Amino acid sequence: MADSDASVRRRKPEPKSSTPEVVEPEDDKPKPQPPQKSKKKSAKSRLEDDESYSTLNLSLDIFRVLTFLFLASCGLSYLISSGETFFWGMSNPPKYLRADWWAKQWRGPIYLTPAALAAHDGSDPSIPLYLAINGTIYDVSANRRTYGPGGSYHFFAGCDAARAFVTGCFAEDRTADMRGVADMFLPLDDPAVDKHWSKAELAEIKKREREEADRKVQDALAHWVNFFKNNPKYEFVGYVKQEEGWPGTEPVRPLCEAAAKGRKKRVVPGQE
């Protein structure tokens, strides 16, 4: 009995799996493959690829580029000319499109004597049309109809007629000498009127009148100076070169008839 009990108490062996274990033979296992090296194209293959970009394709690309540039040029011309032309044939092109304007920028301002300036009065259409005001010269060739021969303001061409711009006497005052111009804004002396003031009072009145007249001359001249300075059609050229001591080398001009006629008698306050 003891032997039988001992045999019963023995541990039973683990049951074997019903699925048989498959063991692959060594020769049938997949072997890792070495990395494939990229094959470089031969020189012959590269040459064939280059030749595949045919002359026709190149011609088409060139045609596309030229077409784009042509259309862009037409559009830019239309915008710059304000609709005048598609092909840059402007009657009055902007200054930055003219070779002579760039030449002037490189050259800098020029200095002309009154005699040299007189040659630019528009009589010779092959040279620029100049006028000067207060010593500064401008090219007004863009407006030959006005400043050229037969124009309404031809009197100003080829000279510095600053005085005429203020007095309005175009033919008589073709000069830059402004001495005496302020008199056109001064009242006339009249003993019958002036007796209403004492000598001291009259002297003070005349002082204020002179200051006011000088201011009017300066304002009138500044108006025209700024007109030419700020006008995009008229280009700055340079300066008038006067002789040493001018205008003291010339006699003082009397007021022109039209300017003198504008003077009125002094008015007594309360009797206007």
Protein backbone atom coordinates (compact mmCIF):
# COMPACT_ATOMS: atom_id res chain seq x y z
CA MET A 1 0.00 0.00 0.00
CA ALA A 2 2.76 2.35 0.85
CA ASP A 3 4.29 1.87 -2.54
CA SER A 4 1.00 2.51 -4.26
CA ASP A 5 0.38 5.71 -2.24
CA ALA A 6 3.82 6.95 -3.07
CA SER A 7 3.20 6.41 -6.73
CA VAL A 8 -0.10 8.28 -6.49
CA ARG A 9 1.57 11.28 -4.80
CA ARG A 10 4.11 11.65 -7.57
CA ARG A 11 3.65 14.72 -9.74
CA LYS A 12 2.17 14.04 -13.03
CA PRO A 13 4.26 15.17 -16.02
CA GLU A 14 3.11 18.28 -17.97
CA PRO A 15 0.99 17.35 -20.91
CA LYS A 16 2.69 17.80 -24.23
CA SER A 17 1.28 20.30 -26.74
CA SER A 18 -0.83 18.77 -29.37
CA THR A 19 0.59 21.16 -31.99
CA PRO A 20 3.88 19.95 -33.24
CA GLU A 21 6.67 22.55 -33.25
CA VAL A 22 7.86 23.31 -36.73
CA VAL A 23 11.53 23.82 -37.06
CA GLU A 24 12.64 25.45 -40.29
CA PRO A 25 15.69 24.11 -41.84
CA GLU A 26 18.61 26.46 -41.80
CA ASP A 27 18.75 26.73 -45.56
CA ASP A 28 15.06 27.80 -45.88
CA LYS A 29 15.27 30.92 -43.62
CA PRO A 30 15.12 34.28 -45.51
CA LYS A 31 18.47 35.92 -45.58
CA PRO A 32 18.79 39.76 -45.22
CA GLN A 33 19.53 41.37 -48.55
CA PRO A 34 22.30 43.96 -48.83
CA PRO A 35 21.09 47.55 -49.64
CA GLN A 36 20.74 48.17 -53.31
CA LYS A 37 23.13 50.71 -54.66
CA SER A 38 21.56 53.42 -56.87
CA LYS A 39 22.76 53.11 -60.34
CA LYS A 40 24.24 56.32 -61.69
CA LYS A 41 23.33 57.33 -65.17
CA SER A 42 26.04 56.92 -67.64
CA ALA A 43 27.36 59.86 -69.61
CA LYS A 44 25.56 58.52 -72.65
CA SER A 45 22.20 58.47 -70.82
CA ARG A 46 22.65 62.00 -69.59
CA LEU A 47 23.45 63.17 -73.09
CA GLU A 48 20.32 61.53 -74.40
CA ASP A 49 18.21 63.27 -71.72
CA ASP A 50 19.70 66.63 -72.61
CA GLU A 51 19.01 66.07 -76.27
CA SER A 52 15.38 65.30 -75.42
CA TYR A 53 14.97 69.06 -74.63
CA SER A 54 14.52 69.84 -78.28
CA THR A 55 15.14 73.07 -80.19
CA LEU A 56 11.37 73.44 -80.55
CA ASN A 57 10.86 73.54 -76.79
CA LEU A 58 13.62 76.12 -76.44
CA SER A 59 12.03 78.25 -79.14
CA LEU A 60 8.66 78.09 -77.41
CA ASP A 61 10.17 79.24 -74.09
CA ILE A 62 11.91 82.15 -75.78
CA PHE A 63 8.67 83.09 -77.54
CA ARG A 64 6.76 83.08 -74.23
CA VAL A 65 9.34 85.34 -72.57
CA LEU A 66 9.39 87.78 -75.48
CA THR A 67 5.59 87.88 -75.59
CA PHE A 68 5.42 88.67 -71.87
CA LEU A 69 8.00 91.45 -72.20
CA PHE A 70 6.16 92.94 -75.19
CA LEU A 71 2.80 92.98 -73.41
CA ALA A 72 4.36 94.39 -70.24
CA SER A 73 6.04 97.15 -72.29
CA CYS A 74 2.74 98.06 -73.96
CA GLY A 75 0.94 98.21 -70.63
CA LEU A 76 3.65 100.34 -69.02
CA SER A 77 3.66 102.73 -71.99
CA TYR A 78 -0.11 103.08 -71.77
CA LEU A 79 0.04 103.91 -68.06
CA ILE A 80 2.91 106.39 -68.29
CA SER A 81 1.42 108.17 -71.32
CA SER A 82 -2.03 108.35 -69.66
CA GLY A 83 -3.56 106.37 -72.49
CA GLU A 84 -1.82 108.22 -75.32
CA THR A 85 0.09 105.27 -76.79
CA PHE A 86 0.99 101.61 -76.31
CA PHE A 87 4.35 101.93 -78.07
CA TRP A 88 6.21 104.77 -76.27
CA GLY A 89 5.57 107.28 -79.05
CA MET A 90 4.67 110.09 -76.65
CA SER A 91 4.43 113.66 -77.91
CA ASN A 92 5.80 114.94 -74.60
CA PRO A 93 7.57 112.10 -72.75
CA PRO A 94 8.38 112.45 -69.03
CA LYS A 95 11.73 114.03 -68.31
CA TYR A 96 13.20 110.79 -66.92
CA LEU A 97 12.69 109.18 -70.35
CA ARG A 98 14.74 111.79 -72.18
CA ALA A 99 18.48 111.52 -72.65
CA ASP A 100 18.95 115.29 -72.53
CA TRP A 101 17.38 115.43 -69.05
CA TRP A 102 19.85 112.85 -67.71
CA ALA A 103 22.68 114.77 -69.36
CA LYS A 104 21.59 117.92 -67.51
CA GLN A 105 21.50 116.09 -64.18
CA TRP A 106 25.05 114.90 -64.75
CA ARG A 107 26.24 118.32 -65.93
CA GLY A 108 24.74 120.37 -63.08
CA PRO A 109 23.54 123.99 -63.24
CA ILE A 110 24.85 126.30 -65.95
CA TYR A 111 25.57 130.03 -65.74
CA LEU A 112 24.54 132.27 -68.64
CA THR A 113 25.13 135.97 -69.16
CA PRO A 114 22.10 138.00 -70.27
CA ALA A 115 23.55 138.02 -73.81
CA ALA A 116 23.90 134.23 -73.86
CA LEU A 117 20.43 133.82 -72.39
CA ALA A 118 18.97 135.99 -75.17
CA ALA A 119 19.89 133.32 -77.73
CA HIS A 120 17.36 130.97 -76.12
CA ASP A 121 14.30 133.09 -76.95
CA GLY A 122 12.75 130.43 -79.18
CA SER A 123 13.85 131.94 -82.49
CA ASP A 124 16.01 128.88 -83.13
CA PRO A 125 13.85 125.75 -82.64
CA SER A 126 16.92 123.53 -82.50
CA ILE A 127 17.99 124.88 -79.09
CA PRO A 128 16.05 124.90 -75.79
CA LEU A 129 13.71 127.76 -74.94
CA TYR A 130 14.73 129.46 -71.70
CA LEU A 131 13.38 132.17 -69.45
CA ALA A 132 14.66 133.43 -66.11
CA ILE A 133 13.03 134.93 -63.07
CA ASN A 134 14.85 136.49 -60.13
CA GLY A 135 18.16 135.12 -61.41
CA THR A 136 17.07 131.49 -61.93
CA ILE A 137 16.81 129.99 -65.44
CA TYR A 138 14.14 127.48 -66.48
CA ASP A 139 13.66 125.45 -69.64
CA VAL A 140 10.13 126.17 -70.92
CA SER A 141 10.49 124.29 -74.21
CA ALA A 142 7.47 122.18 -73.25
CA ASN A 143 5.30 125.27 -73.76
CA ARG A 144 6.65 126.85 -76.95
CA ARG A 145 3.15 127.88 -77.98
CA THR A 146 3.03 130.30 -75.04
CA TYR A 147 6.65 131.43 -74.71
CA GLY A 148 7.88 130.97 -78.27
CA PRO A 149 7.67 133.52 -81.11
CA GLY A 150 4.09 134.71 -81.48
CA GLY A 151 3.11 133.44 -78.04
CA SER A 152 1.24 135.58 -75.56
CA TYR A 153 4.19 135.52 -73.12
CA HIS A 154 7.04 135.61 -75.61
CA PHE A 155 8.28 138.79 -73.90
CA PHE A 156 9.59 136.65 -71.04
CA ALA A 157 11.64 134.32 -73.26
CA GLY A 158 15.41 134.69 -73.42
CA CYS A 159 15.70 137.10 -70.50
CA ASP A 160 15.11 137.65 -66.79
CA ALA A 161 11.96 139.75 -66.77
CA ALA A 162 11.25 139.57 -63.04
CA ARG A 163 10.19 143.23 -63.03
CA ALA A 164 7.55 142.65 -65.73
CA PHE A 165 6.03 139.77 -63.77
CA VAL A 166 5.15 142.27 -61.02
CA THR A 167 4.37 145.44 -62.99
CA GLY A 168 2.56 143.71 -65.86
CA CYS A 169 4.46 145.84 -68.39
CA PHE A 170 5.78 142.99 -70.55
CA ALA A 171 7.38 145.02 -73.31
CA GLU A 172 8.88 147.80 -71.17
CA ASP A 173 10.11 145.90 -68.12
CA ARG A 174 12.11 142.98 -69.56
CA THR A 175 14.66 143.22 -66.75
CA ALA A 176 15.40 141.77 -63.34
CA ASP A 177 16.05 145.21 -61.84
CA MET A 178 13.38 145.59 -59.16
CA ARG A 179 14.41 149.04 -57.94
CA GLY A 180 11.47 151.42 -57.78
CA VAL A 181 8.82 148.75 -58.36
CA ALA A 182 7.39 149.22 -54.86
CA ASP A 183 6.32 152.73 -55.85
CA MET A 184 3.39 151.24 -57.76
CA PHE A 185 1.87 150.26 -54.42
CA LEU A 186 2.46 153.63 -52.75
CA PRO A 187 -0.24 156.33 -52.65
CA LEU A 188 0.34 159.67 -54.35
CA ASP A 189 1.24 162.67 -52.25
CA ASP A 190 -1.40 165.38 -52.24
CA PRO A 191 -0.83 168.53 -50.11
CA ALA A 192 -4.59 169.04 -49.79
CA VAL A 193 -4.95 165.63 -48.20
CA ASP A 194 -1.63 165.39 -46.39
CA LYS A 195 -2.32 168.54 -44.35
CA HIS A 196 -4.64 166.47 -42.16
CA TRP A 197 -1.56 165.03 -40.44
CA SER A 198 1.39 166.57 -38.70
CA LYS A 199 4.84 166.06 -40.21
CA ALA A 200 5.66 163.37 -37.65
CA GLU A 201 2.37 161.58 -38.26
CA LEU A 202 2.82 161.76 -42.04
CA ALA A 203 6.38 160.41 -41.77
CA GLU A 204 5.12 157.44 -39.74
CA ILE A 205 2.32 156.82 -42.24
CA LYS A 206 4.76 156.87 -45.16
CA LYS A 207 7.05 154.45 -43.33
CA ARG A 208 4.19 151.95 -42.91
CA GLU A 209 3.14 152.46 -46.53
CA ARG A 210 6.67 151.71 -47.72
CA GLU A 211 6.88 148.54 -45.66
CA GLU A 212 3.52 147.39 -47.01
CA ALA A 213 4.55 148.18 -50.60
CA ASP A 214 7.80 146.23 -50.25
CA ARG A 215 5.86 143.26 -48.87
CA LYS A 216 3.47 143.32 -51.83
CA VAL A 217 6.39 143.32 -54.28
CA GLN A 218 8.00 140.37 -52.49
CA ASP A 219 4.73 138.44 -52.41
CA ALA A 220 4.00 139.08 -56.08
CA LEU A 221 7.50 138.03 -57.14
CA ALA A 222 7.48 134.97 -54.86
CA HIS A 223 4.23 133.83 -56.48
CA TRP A 224 5.85 133.61 -59.91
CA VAL A 225 9.14 132.24 -58.59
CA ASN A 226 7.25 129.36 -56.96
CA PHE A 227 5.11 128.91 -60.08
CA PHE A 228 8.13 128.02 -62.22
CA LYS A 229 9.96 126.25 -59.42
CA ASN A 230 7.09 123.85 -58.71
CA ASN A 231 5.78 123.37 -62.24
CA PRO A 232 6.75 119.84 -63.41
CA LYS A 233 6.78 120.97 -67.06
CA TYR A 234 9.57 123.48 -66.55
CA GLU A 235 13.07 122.27 -65.75
CA PHE A 236 15.64 124.12 -63.69
CA VAL A 237 18.68 124.96 -65.84
CA GLY A 238 20.94 127.27 -63.88
CA TYR A 239 21.50 130.93 -63.03
CA VAL A 240 21.94 134.28 -64.74
CA LYS A 241 25.45 135.65 -64.43
CA GLN A 242 25.20 139.45 -64.11
CA GLU A 243 28.15 141.79 -64.39
CA GLU A 244 29.86 142.85 -61.19
CA GLY A 245 28.08 145.73 -59.46
CA TRP A 246 24.75 145.17 -61.20
CA PRO A 247 22.14 146.69 -60.96
CA GLY A 248 24.04 149.72 -59.71
CA THR A 249 25.67 149.96 -63.13
CA GLU A 250 22.32 151.03 -64.64
CA PRO A 251 20.04 153.99 -63.89
CA VAL A 252 16.89 153.40 -61.88
CA ARG A 253 13.95 152.80 -64.18
CA PRO A 254 10.81 154.90 -63.78
CA LEU A 255 7.53 153.08 -63.31
CA CYS A 256 5.96 151.99 -66.56
CA GLU A 257 2.78 153.81 -67.57
CA ALA A 258 0.39 150.99 -66.66
CA ALA A 259 1.90 150.57 -63.18
CA ALA A 260 1.96 154.31 -62.52
CA LYS A 261 -1.72 154.66 -63.43
CA GLY A 262 -2.63 152.29 -60.61
CA ARG A 263 -1.47 154.69 -57.90
CA LYS A 264 -4.15 156.53 -55.95
CA LYS A 265 -4.11 159.49 -53.59
CA ARG A 266 -3.73 158.95 -49.88
CA VAL A 267 -7.08 158.76 -48.11
CA VAL A 268 -7.93 160.48 -44.85
CA PRO A 269 -9.44 158.02 -42.36
CA GLY A 270 -13.22 158.42 -42.22
CA GLN A 271 -13.38 160.00 -45.72
CA GLU A 272 -13.12 156.82 -47.80
